[in-house]
C-alpha atoms as a PDB file:
ATOM      1  CA  MET A   1     -21.747 -58.453 -11.438  1.00  0.00           C
ATOM      2  CA  LYS A   2     -19.247 -61.226 -10.755  1.00  0.00           C
ATOM      3  CA  LYS A   3     -17.773 -60.742 -14.240  1.00  0.00           C
ATOM      4  CA  LEU A   4     -17.369 -57.016 -13.565  1.00  0.00           C
ATOM      5  CA  LEU A   5     -15.517 -57.682 -10.340  1.00  0.00           C
ATOM      6  CA  ILE A   6     -13.251 -60.270 -11.978  1.00  0.00           C
ATOM      7  CA  GLY A   7     -12.613 -57.882 -14.873  1.00  0.00           C
ATOM      8  CA  PHE A   8     -11.696 -55.083 -12.478  1.00  0.00           C
ATOM      9  CA  VAL A   9      -9.260 -57.350 -10.604  1.00  0.00           C
ATOM     10  CA  ILE A  10      -7.694 -58.479 -13.886  1.00  0.00           C
ATOM     11  CA  PHE A  11      -7.376 -54.845 -14.979  1.00  0.00           C
ATOM     12  CA  MET A  12      -5.630 -53.934 -11.737  1.00  0.00           C
ATOM     13  CA  VAL A  13      -3.167 -56.802 -12.113  1.00  0.00           C
ATOM     14  CA  LEU A  14      -2.457 -56.124 -15.767  1.00  0.00           C
ATOM     15  CA  ASN A  15      -2.247 -52.364 -15.415  1.00  0.00           C
ATOM     16  CA  SER A  16       1.361 -52.163 -14.369  1.00  0.00           C
ATOM     17  CA  CYS A  17       1.948 -48.616 -15.580  1.00  0.00           C
ATOM     18  CA  GLY A  18       1.092 -47.365 -12.099  1.00  0.00           C
ATOM     19  CA  THR A  19       3.802 -46.818  -9.530  1.00  0.00           C
ATOM     20  CA  THR A  20       4.393 -47.884  -5.947  1.00  0.00           C
ATOM     21  CA  TYR A  21       5.594 -45.097  -3.702  1.00  0.00           C
ATOM     22  CA  ASN A  22       7.247 -45.286  -0.316  1.00  0.00           C
ATOM     23  CA  ASN A  23       8.020 -41.790   0.884  1.00  0.00           C
ATOM     24  CA  TYR A  24       9.861 -40.480   3.909  1.00  0.00           C
ATOM     25  CA  PRO A  25       7.916 -40.206   7.144  1.00  0.00           C
ATOM     26  CA  VAL A  26       6.555 -36.820   8.139  1.00  0.00           C
ATOM     27  CA  LYS A  27       5.085 -35.713  11.433  1.00  0.00           C
ATOM     28  CA  SER A  28       1.413 -36.604  11.497  1.00  0.00           C
ATOM     29  CA  SER A  29      -0.617 -38.352  14.086  1.00  0.00           C
ATOM     30  CA  PRO A  30      -2.130 -41.660  12.990  1.00  0.00           C
ATOM     31  CA  SER A  31      -5.260 -40.661  14.904  1.00  0.00           C
ATOM     32  CA  ASN A  32      -5.625 -37.520  12.730  1.00  0.00           C
ATOM     33  CA  THR A  33      -5.441 -39.577   9.535  1.00  0.00           C
ATOM     34  CA  GLU A  34      -7.818 -42.172  10.935  1.00  0.00           C
ATOM     35  CA  ARG A  35     -10.217 -39.458  12.083  1.00  0.00           C
ATOM     36  CA  GLU A  36     -10.153 -37.830   8.641  1.00  0.00           C
ATOM     37  CA  TYR A  37     -10.728 -41.236   6.998  1.00  0.00           C
ATOM     38  CA  HIS A  38     -13.876 -41.849   9.072  1.00  0.00           C
ATOM     39  CA  GLU A  39     -15.165 -38.293   8.526  1.00  0.00           C
ATOM     40  CA  VAL A  40     -14.732 -38.465   4.742  1.00  0.00           C
ATOM     41  CA  LEU A  41     -16.210 -41.978   4.675  1.00  0.00           C
ATOM     42  CA  LYS A  42     -19.460 -40.658   6.198  1.00  0.00           C
ATOM     43  CA  THR A  43     -20.263 -38.496   3.159  1.00  0.00           C
ATOM     44  CA  TYR A  44     -18.287 -40.213   0.384  1.00  0.00           C
ATOM     45  CA  LYS A  45     -20.276 -41.422  -2.606  1.00  0.00           C
ATOM     46  CA  SER A  46     -18.551 -44.363  -4.275  1.00  0.00           C
ATOM     47  CA  GLU A  47     -18.108 -44.278  -8.046  1.00  0.00           C
ATOM     48  CA  THR A  48     -17.083 -47.938  -8.328  1.00  0.00           C
ATOM     49  CA  ALA A  49     -19.928 -48.901 -10.673  1.00  0.00           C
ATOM     50  CA  GLU A  50     -19.160 -46.006 -13.039  1.00  0.00           C
ATOM     51  CA  VAL A  51     -15.430 -46.804 -12.990  1.00  0.00           C
ATOM     52  CA  LEU A  52     -16.025 -50.507 -13.677  1.00  0.00           C
ATOM     53  CA  THR A  53     -18.379 -49.704 -16.535  1.00  0.00           C
ATOM     54  CA  TYR A  54     -15.791 -47.349 -18.003  1.00  0.00           C
ATOM     55  CA  LEU A  55     -12.930 -49.853 -17.672  1.00  0.00           C
ATOM     56  CA  LEU A  56     -14.816 -52.855 -19.017  1.00  0.00           C
ATOM     57  CA  ASN A  57     -16.543 -51.211 -21.963  1.00  0.00           C
ATOM     58  CA  GLU A  58     -14.980 -49.720 -25.033  1.00  0.00           C
ATOM     59  CA  THR A  59     -15.000 -45.999 -24.492  1.00  0.00           C
ATOM     60  CA  SER A  60     -14.891 -43.228 -27.011  1.00  0.00           C
ATOM     61  CA  PRO A  61     -11.704 -41.156 -27.245  1.00  0.00           C
ATOM     62  CA  ASN A  62     -14.068 -38.184 -27.020  1.00  0.00           C
ATOM     63  CA  ASP A  63     -15.246 -39.246 -23.561  1.00  0.00           C
ATOM     64  CA  PRO A  64     -14.495 -36.262 -21.294  1.00  0.00           C
ATOM     65  CA  LYS A  65     -13.766 -38.447 -18.245  1.00  0.00           C
ATOM     66  CA  THR A  66     -11.405 -41.269 -17.373  1.00  0.00           C
ATOM     67  CA  ALA A  67     -10.846 -43.589 -14.418  1.00  0.00           C
ATOM     68  CA  LEU A  68      -8.338 -43.152 -11.600  1.00  0.00           C
ATOM     69  CA  THR A  69      -7.798 -46.229  -9.404  1.00  0.00           C
ATOM     70  CA  VAL A  70      -5.643 -46.359  -6.294  1.00  0.00           C
ATOM     71  CA  GLU A  71      -4.698 -49.567  -4.518  1.00  0.00           C
ATOM     72  CA  ASN A  72      -3.802 -49.108  -0.851  1.00  0.00           C
ATOM     73  CA  THR A  73      -1.639 -52.131   0.014  1.00  0.00           C
ATOM     74  CA  SER A  74      -0.625 -50.682   3.376  1.00  0.00           C
ATOM     75  CA  ARG A  75      -1.933 -51.706   6.787  1.00  0.00           C
ATOM     76  CA  CYS A  76      -3.403 -48.217   7.329  1.00  0.00           C
ATOM     77  CA  ASN A  77      -6.551 -46.442   6.189  1.00  0.00           C
ATOM     78  CA  MET A  78      -5.875 -43.326   4.129  1.00  0.00           C
ATOM     79  CA  VAL A  79      -7.550 -40.382   2.426  1.00  0.00           C
ATOM     80  CA  LEU A  80      -6.298 -39.494  -1.046  1.00  0.00           C
ATOM     81  CA  THR A  81      -6.867 -35.916  -2.171  1.00  0.00           C
ATOM     82  CA  VAL A  82      -7.240 -35.476  -5.930  1.00  0.00           C
ATOM     83  CA  SER A  83      -7.201 -31.904  -7.197  1.00  0.00           C
ATOM     84  CA  SER A  84      -6.749 -29.838 -10.341  1.00  0.00           C
ATOM     85  CA  ASN A  85      -7.880 -26.401 -11.475  1.00  0.00           C
ATOM     86  CA  ASN A  86     -11.491 -27.551 -11.897  1.00  0.00           C
ATOM     87  CA  TYR A  87     -11.685 -30.647  -9.679  1.00  0.00           C
ATOM     88  CA  TYR A  88     -11.319 -31.514  -5.998  1.00  0.00           C
ATOM     89  CA  LYS A  89     -12.213 -34.737  -4.213  1.00  0.00           C
ATOM     90  CA  LYS A  90     -11.143 -36.681  -1.142  1.00  0.00           C
ATOM     91  CA  ILE A  91     -11.275 -40.461  -1.507  1.00  0.00           C
ATOM     92  CA  PRO A  92     -11.243 -42.663   1.614  1.00  0.00           C
ATOM     93  CA  ILE A  93      -9.320 -45.882   0.906  1.00  0.00           C
ATOM     94  CA  GLY A  94      -9.257 -48.579   3.554  1.00  0.00           C
ATOM     95  CA  ALA A  95      -6.197 -50.687   4.317  1.00  0.00           C
ATOM     96  CA  GLY A  96      -5.789 -53.322   1.612  1.00  0.00           C
ATOM     97  CA  LYS A  97      -8.597 -51.797  -0.488  1.00  0.00           C
ATOM     98  CA  ILE A  98      -8.938 -50.124  -3.871  1.00  0.00           C
ATOM     99  CA  GLY A  99     -10.402 -46.654  -4.298  1.00  0.00           C
ATOM    100  CA  SER A 100     -11.552 -45.289  -7.619  1.00  0.00           C
ATOM    101  CA  VAL A 101     -13.035 -42.181  -9.128  1.00  0.00           C
ATOM    102  CA  MET A 102     -13.959 -40.768 -12.520  1.00  0.00           C
ATOM    103  CA  ILE A 103     -12.071 -37.568 -13.330  1.00  0.00           C
ATOM    104  CA  PRO A 104     -12.020 -35.149 -16.267  1.00  0.00           C
ATOM    105  CA  LYS A 105      -9.177 -36.173 -18.568  1.00  0.00           C
ATOM    106  CA  ASN A 106      -6.379 -34.092 -20.077  1.00  0.00           C
ATOM    107  CA  GLN A 107      -5.620 -32.219 -16.879  1.00  0.00           C
ATOM    108  CA  THR A 108      -2.734 -32.085 -14.437  1.00  0.00           C
ATOM    109  CA  TYR A 109      -3.747 -33.518 -11.062  1.00  0.00           C
ATOM    110  CA  LYS A 110      -2.121 -33.230  -7.694  1.00  0.00           C
ATOM    111  CA  LEU A 111      -2.514 -36.496  -5.764  1.00  0.00           C
ATOM    112  CA  SER A 112      -1.676 -36.420  -2.074  1.00  0.00           C
ATOM    113  CA  GLY A 113      -2.314 -38.241   1.172  1.00  0.00           C
ATOM    114  CA  MET A 114      -0.809 -39.920   4.200  1.00  0.00           C
ATOM    115  CA  VAL A 115      -0.015 -43.644   4.119  1.00  0.00           C
ATOM    116  CA  CYS A 116       0.951 -44.958   7.573  1.00  0.00           C
ATOM    117  CA  GLN A 117       2.589 -41.659   8.589  1.00  0.00           C
ATOM    118  CA  SER A 118       4.367 -41.340   5.236  1.00  0.00           C
ATOM    119  CA  ALA A 119       3.425 -38.507   2.922  1.00  0.00           C
ATOM    120  CA  TYR A 120       2.513 -39.267  -0.664  1.00  0.00           C
ATOM    121  CA  GLN A 121       2.390 -36.422  -3.153  1.00  0.00           C
ATOM    122  CA  THR A 122       2.728 -36.274  -6.921  1.00  0.00           C
ATOM    123  CA  SER A 123       1.525 -34.324  -9.931  1.00  0.00           C
ATOM    124  CA  LYS A 124       0.441 -36.187 -13.020  1.00  0.00           C
ATOM    125  CA  PHE A 125      -1.047 -35.149 -16.365  1.00  0.00           C
ATOM    126  CA  ILE A 126      -3.801 -37.728 -16.886  1.00  0.00           C
ATOM    127  CA  THR A 127      -5.111 -38.445 -20.377  1.00  0.00           C
ATOM    128  CA  SER A 128      -6.441 -41.995 -19.961  1.00  0.00           C
ATOM    129  CA  ALA A 129      -7.186 -44.542 -17.226  1.00  0.00           C
ATOM    130  CA  TYR A 130      -4.519 -44.265 -14.542  1.00  0.00           C
ATOM    131  CA  SER A 131      -3.711 -46.630 -11.705  1.00  0.00           C
ATOM    132  CA  ILE A 132      -1.327 -46.394  -8.773  1.00  0.00           C
ATOM    133  CA  LYS A 133      -0.400 -48.654  -5.875  1.00  0.00           C
ATOM    134  CA  LEU A 134       0.527 -47.167  -2.500  1.00  0.00           C
ATOM    135  CA  SER A 135       2.202 -49.041   0.331  1.00  0.00           C
ATOM    136  CA  ASN A 136       3.856 -48.231   3.642  1.00  0.00           C
END
């Protein structure tokens, strides 16, 4: 298990194709974001083991899923919404933590959330493992 964790950390450091985003502030109460974070956290089922297995093992190009990892380097908890035509999930990501999920590949995803009262929103066509870093 220790090797998996070390491998995941190395992957996150080496995977520099992700992007750091600092967006303009929008009106949103920190308490609303924090409340949503705690509500989603109550029912969220982590996919960390599946993501680590995927990232550390050689995977087939025919694999229908890929990994999405999000590093929250801010001082605030957040909820990232990941959606496409056939997929929708909210991922609670604590301050200074990494959130991850397995998603169907070869689709355009809308990624959105609030990071310390700043809105993050992007669309990305994801074909292979994808990593982003968000900060305030």
